[in-house]
Amino acid sequence: MPLSPHQLRSQLNQQTGKIAWPELARHFARGVVIRVSSGMDLVEVAVCMSLDDKGSIERWLLEGKIARASMEDAEDWNKRQPVFWAVVAAPWVLVQEIEEKEF
């Protein structure tokens, strides 16, 4: 029986964690990293992706609020070594850079 949106949100929230660039790099190499803009609710994006909410996903892509991580992102992250909040919405790894003040 599939999870309700509320159950899915709760499950994804519990699976959210911090990841540093060196651990994220292997997922980037597989082409599965989605960058989520600050200000967006990472878990809500994961819920929409898990439920294949095409309308929300397409709107966020067009608005630049989510995007597949680019080579430029990887080069920047490799130089700066940031830490991210991350959650898996298979096959995607959604990441949101943690602002230094959040540490």
N, C-alpha and C. Protein backbone atom coordinates (compact mmCIF):
# COMPACT_ATOMS: atom_id res chain seq x y z
N MET A 1 0.85 -1.18 0.00
CA MET A 1 0.00 0.00 0.00
C MET A 1 0.90 1.25 0.00
N PRO A 2 0.69 2.15 -0.95
CA PRO A 2 1.53 3.35 -1.02
C PRO A 2 1.31 4.26 0.19
N LEU A 3 2.35 5.00 0.51
CA LEU A 3 2.27 5.95 1.62
C LEU A 3 1.41 7.14 1.23
N SER A 4 0.73 7.70 2.20
CA SER A 4 0.00 8.95 1.96
C SER A 4 1.05 10.07 1.84
N PRO A 5 0.67 11.20 1.24
CA PRO A 5 1.63 12.31 1.17
C PRO A 5 2.17 12.71 2.55
N HIS A 6 1.31 12.67 3.56
CA HIS A 6 1.75 13.02 4.93
C HIS A 6 2.77 12.00 5.44
N GLN A 7 2.51 10.71 5.23
CA GLN A 7 3.44 9.67 5.66
C GLN A 7 4.76 9.78 4.90
N LEU A 8 4.67 10.06 3.60
CA LEU A 8 5.86 10.20 2.78
C LEU A 8 6.70 11.37 3.27
N ARG A 9 6.05 12.49 3.55
CA ARG A 9 6.75 13.67 4.05
C ARG A 9 7.47 13.35 5.35
N SER A 10 6.79 12.66 6.25
CA SER A 10 7.39 12.28 7.54
C SER A 10 8.60 11.36 7.33
N GLN A 11 8.45 10.38 6.45
CA GLN A 11 9.53 9.45 6.17
C GLN A 11 10.74 10.17 5.57
N LEU A 12 10.49 11.02 4.58
CA LEU A 12 11.59 11.76 3.94
C LEU A 12 12.26 12.71 4.93
N ASN A 13 11.48 13.34 5.79
CA ASN A 13 12.03 14.24 6.79
C ASN A 13 12.99 13.49 7.71
N GLN A 14 12.64 12.26 8.08
CA GLN A 14 13.50 11.46 8.94
C GLN A 14 14.76 11.00 8.21
N GLN A 15 14.72 10.95 6.88
CA GLN A 15 15.87 10.49 6.10
C GLN A 15 16.77 11.63 5.65
N THR A 16 16.43 12.85 6.00
CA THR A 16 17.23 14.01 5.63
C THR A 16 18.46 14.08 6.54
N GLY A 17 19.60 14.39 5.94
CA GLY A 17 20.82 14.48 6.74
C GLY A 17 21.82 15.39 6.08
N LYS A 18 22.91 15.62 6.80
CA LYS A 18 23.99 16.46 6.28
C LYS A 18 24.97 15.61 5.49
N ILE A 19 25.50 16.20 4.42
CA ILE A 19 26.50 15.53 3.60
C ILE A 19 27.51 16.57 3.12
N ALA A 20 28.76 16.22 3.17
CA ALA A 20 29.81 17.12 2.70
C ALA A 20 30.10 16.82 1.23
N TRP A 21 30.73 17.78 0.56
CA TRP A 21 31.01 17.63 -0.86
C TRP A 21 31.75 16.33 -1.19
N PRO A 22 32.79 15.91 -0.46
CA PRO A 22 33.47 14.68 -0.86
C PRO A 22 32.54 13.46 -0.96
N GLU A 23 31.57 13.36 -0.06
CA GLU A 23 30.62 12.25 -0.12
C GLU A 23 29.59 12.44 -1.24
N LEU A 24 29.27 13.70 -1.52
CA LEU A 24 28.28 14.01 -2.56
C LEU A 24 28.87 13.85 -3.96
N ALA A 25 30.17 14.00 -4.08
CA ALA A 25 30.83 13.97 -5.40
C ALA A 25 30.53 12.68 -6.17
N ARG A 26 30.47 11.55 -5.50
CA ARG A 26 30.20 10.30 -6.22
C ARG A 26 28.78 10.28 -6.80
N HIS A 27 27.84 10.91 -6.11
CA HIS A 27 26.48 11.01 -6.64
C HIS A 27 26.44 11.97 -7.82
N PHE A 28 27.22 13.07 -7.71
CA PHE A 28 27.32 14.00 -8.84
C PHE A 28 27.86 13.28 -10.07
N ALA A 29 28.87 12.45 -9.86
CA ALA A 29 29.48 11.70 -10.98
C ALA A 29 28.46 10.79 -11.66
N ARG A 30 27.46 10.32 -10.93
CA ARG A 30 26.39 9.48 -11.49
C ARG A 30 25.31 10.32 -12.17
N GLY A 31 25.37 11.67 -12.00
CA GLY A 31 24.39 12.55 -12.64
C GLY A 31 23.04 12.60 -11.97
N VAL A 32 23.01 12.34 -10.65
CA VAL A 32 21.72 12.26 -9.96
C VAL A 32 21.50 13.36 -8.92
N VAL A 33 22.37 14.37 -8.90
CA VAL A 33 22.24 15.42 -7.89
C VAL A 33 21.37 16.55 -8.41
N ILE A 34 20.37 16.91 -7.62
CA ILE A 34 19.48 18.03 -7.90
C ILE A 34 19.74 19.10 -6.86
N ARG A 35 20.09 20.29 -7.33
CA ARG A 35 20.35 21.43 -6.46
C ARG A 35 19.02 22.14 -6.17
N VAL A 36 18.74 22.35 -4.89
CA VAL A 36 17.51 23.02 -4.46
C VAL A 36 17.89 24.37 -3.85
N SER A 37 17.29 25.43 -4.34
CA SER A 37 17.61 26.78 -3.86
C SER A 37 17.29 26.94 -2.39
N SER A 38 18.08 27.81 -1.75
CA SER A 38 17.78 28.13 -0.35
C SER A 38 16.41 28.82 -0.33
N GLY A 39 15.71 28.65 0.71
CA GLY A 39 14.36 29.21 0.80
C GLY A 39 13.29 28.20 0.39
N MET A 40 13.70 27.19 -0.38
CA MET A 40 12.76 26.13 -0.74
C MET A 40 12.74 25.11 0.40
N ASP A 41 11.61 24.43 0.56
CA ASP A 41 11.49 23.36 1.55
C ASP A 41 12.02 22.08 0.89
N LEU A 42 13.20 21.63 1.30
CA LEU A 42 13.85 20.48 0.70
C LEU A 42 12.96 19.24 0.74
N VAL A 43 12.32 19.01 1.86
CA VAL A 43 11.47 17.83 2.00
C VAL A 43 10.25 17.93 1.10
N GLU A 44 9.68 19.11 0.98
CA GLU A 44 8.52 19.30 0.10
C GLU A 44 8.90 19.02 -1.35
N VAL A 45 10.08 19.46 -1.76
CA VAL A 45 10.55 19.17 -3.12
C VAL A 45 10.69 17.66 -3.30
N ALA A 46 11.25 16.99 -2.30
CA ALA A 46 11.42 15.54 -2.37
C ALA A 46 10.08 14.82 -2.45
N VAL A 47 9.10 15.31 -1.70
CA VAL A 47 7.75 14.72 -1.75
C VAL A 47 7.19 14.86 -3.16
N CYS A 48 7.28 16.04 -3.73
CA CYS A 48 6.75 16.28 -5.08
C CYS A 48 7.46 15.41 -6.11
N MET A 49 8.76 15.24 -5.96
CA MET A 49 9.50 14.40 -6.90
C MET A 49 9.10 12.93 -6.73
N SER A 50 8.95 12.50 -5.48
CA SER A 50 8.56 11.12 -5.22
C SER A 50 7.17 10.81 -5.75
N LEU A 51 6.28 11.81 -5.70
CA LEU A 51 4.90 11.63 -6.18
C LEU A 51 4.76 11.99 -7.65
N ASP A 52 5.87 12.34 -8.29
CA ASP A 52 5.89 12.71 -9.72
C ASP A 52 4.92 13.85 -10.01
N ASP A 53 4.99 14.89 -9.17
CA ASP A 53 4.17 16.08 -9.33
C ASP A 53 4.79 16.95 -10.43
N LYS A 54 4.51 16.60 -11.67
CA LYS A 54 5.14 17.26 -12.82
C LYS A 54 4.90 18.76 -12.85
N GLY A 55 3.72 19.20 -12.47
CA GLY A 55 3.40 20.64 -12.49
C GLY A 55 4.34 21.43 -11.60
N SER A 56 4.49 21.00 -10.36
CA SER A 56 5.38 21.71 -9.42
C SER A 56 6.82 21.63 -9.88
N ILE A 57 7.25 20.44 -10.29
CA ILE A 57 8.64 20.24 -10.70
C ILE A 57 8.98 21.12 -11.91
N GLU A 58 8.11 21.11 -12.91
CA GLU A 58 8.36 21.93 -14.11
C GLU A 58 8.39 23.41 -13.77
N ARG A 59 7.50 23.86 -12.90
CA ARG A 59 7.46 25.27 -12.50
C ARG A 59 8.77 25.65 -11.79
N TRP A 60 9.23 24.80 -10.86
CA TRP A 60 10.46 25.08 -10.13
C TRP A 60 11.67 25.06 -11.05
N LEU A 61 11.67 24.15 -12.03
CA LEU A 61 12.77 24.12 -13.00
C LEU A 61 12.80 25.41 -13.81
N LEU A 62 11.64 25.84 -14.29
CA LEU A 62 11.56 27.07 -15.08
C LEU A 62 11.97 28.30 -14.26
N GLU A 63 11.61 28.30 -12.99
CA GLU A 63 11.93 29.43 -12.11
C GLU A 63 13.37 29.37 -11.60
N GLY A 64 14.08 28.28 -11.90
CA GLY A 64 15.45 28.12 -11.43
C GLY A 64 15.56 27.77 -9.96
N LYS A 65 14.47 27.33 -9.36
CA LYS A 65 14.48 26.98 -7.94
C LYS A 65 15.08 25.60 -7.69
N ILE A 66 15.00 24.73 -8.70
CA ILE A 66 15.68 23.44 -8.66
C ILE A 66 16.38 23.26 -10.00
N ALA A 67 17.46 22.51 -9.99
CA ALA A 67 18.19 22.25 -11.23
C ALA A 67 19.12 21.06 -11.01
N ARG A 68 19.38 20.35 -12.08
CA ARG A 68 20.38 19.30 -12.00
C ARG A 68 21.72 19.99 -11.78
N ALA A 69 22.50 19.48 -10.83
CA ALA A 69 23.79 20.08 -10.54
C ALA A 69 24.67 20.04 -11.79
N SER A 70 25.32 21.17 -12.05
CA SER A 70 26.14 21.31 -13.25
C SER A 70 27.62 21.13 -12.92
N MET A 71 28.42 21.07 -13.97
CA MET A 71 29.87 20.99 -13.77
C MET A 71 30.36 22.24 -13.05
N GLU A 72 29.76 23.39 -13.35
CA GLU A 72 30.13 24.63 -12.66
C GLU A 72 29.83 24.52 -11.16
N ASP A 73 28.69 23.92 -10.82
CA ASP A 73 28.36 23.71 -9.40
C ASP A 73 29.44 22.84 -8.76
N ALA A 74 29.79 21.74 -9.42
CA ALA A 74 30.77 20.81 -8.87
C ALA A 74 32.13 21.48 -8.67
N GLU A 75 32.54 22.30 -9.64
CA GLU A 75 33.82 22.99 -9.51
C GLU A 75 33.79 23.96 -8.33
N ASP A 76 32.69 24.68 -8.18
CA ASP A 76 32.53 25.61 -7.07
C ASP A 76 32.54 24.85 -5.74
N TRP A 77 31.78 23.78 -5.66
CA TRP A 77 31.70 23.00 -4.42
C TRP A 77 33.05 22.37 -4.08
N ASN A 78 33.76 21.92 -5.10
CA ASN A 78 35.08 21.32 -4.86
C ASN A 78 36.04 22.36 -4.28
N LYS A 79 35.93 23.59 -4.74
CA LYS A 79 36.80 24.67 -4.26
C LYS A 79 36.42 25.09 -2.84
N ARG A 80 35.11 25.24 -2.59
CA ARG A 80 34.64 25.78 -1.30
C ARG A 80 34.40 24.71 -0.23
N GLN A 81 34.16 23.46 -0.64
CA GLN A 81 33.89 22.35 0.29
C GLN A 81 32.71 22.62 1.23
N PRO A 82 31.53 22.99 0.70
CA PRO A 82 30.38 23.24 1.57
C PRO A 82 29.77 21.95 2.11
N VAL A 83 28.88 22.13 3.06
CA VAL A 83 28.08 21.03 3.60
C VAL A 83 26.65 21.27 3.16
N PHE A 84 25.91 20.20 2.91
CA PHE A 84 24.56 20.27 2.38
C PHE A 84 23.59 19.50 3.28
N TRP A 85 22.32 19.94 3.23
CA TRP A 85 21.23 19.07 3.66
C TRP A 85 20.90 18.22 2.45
N ALA A 86 20.66 16.96 2.64
CA ALA A 86 20.39 16.07 1.51
C ALA A 86 19.28 15.10 1.87
N VAL A 87 18.55 14.69 0.83
CA VAL A 87 17.53 13.66 0.98
C VAL A 87 17.43 12.95 -0.37
N VAL A 88 17.16 11.67 -0.32
CA VAL A 88 17.04 10.88 -1.54
C VAL A 88 15.56 10.76 -1.92
N ALA A 89 15.26 11.13 -3.16
CA ALA A 89 13.96 10.88 -3.78
C ALA A 89 14.32 10.08 -5.02
N ALA A 90 14.52 8.79 -4.82
CA ALA A 90 15.10 7.91 -5.84
C ALA A 90 14.52 8.18 -7.22
N PRO A 91 15.39 8.28 -8.20
CA PRO A 91 16.84 8.04 -8.19
C PRO A 91 17.64 9.29 -7.84
N TRP A 92 16.99 10.36 -7.47
CA TRP A 92 17.66 11.65 -7.28
C TRP A 92 18.15 11.84 -5.86
N VAL A 93 19.26 12.59 -5.73
CA VAL A 93 19.75 13.06 -4.45
C VAL A 93 19.56 14.57 -4.46
N LEU A 94 18.65 15.05 -3.64
CA LEU A 94 18.34 16.47 -3.57
C LEU A 94 19.23 17.11 -2.51
N VAL A 95 19.85 18.22 -2.86
CA VAL A 95 20.76 18.88 -1.91
C VAL A 95 20.45 20.37 -1.83
N GLN A 96 20.70 20.89 -0.65
CA GLN A 96 20.53 22.32 -0.40
C GLN A 96 21.71 22.75 0.46
N GLU A 97 22.48 23.68 -0.05
CA GLU A 97 23.68 24.11 0.67
C GLU A 97 23.29 24.73 2.00
N ILE A 98 24.03 24.34 3.04
CA ILE A 98 23.80 24.89 4.38
C ILE A 98 24.58 26.19 4.50
N GLU A 99 23.89 27.23 4.87
CA GLU A 99 24.54 28.52 5.09
C GLU A 99 25.44 28.38 6.31
N GLU A 100 26.57 29.05 6.32
CA GLU A 100 27.53 28.93 7.42
C GLU A 100 26.89 29.24 8.76
N LYS A 101 25.96 30.15 8.81
CA LYS A 101 25.32 30.52 10.08
C LYS A 101 24.46 29.39 10.64
N GLU A 102 24.16 28.36 9.81
CA GLU A 102 23.33 27.25 10.27
C GLU A 102 24.13 26.17 10.98
N PHE A 103 25.45 26.21 10.91
CA PHE A 103 26.28 25.16 11.53
C PHE A 103 26.11 25.13 13.01
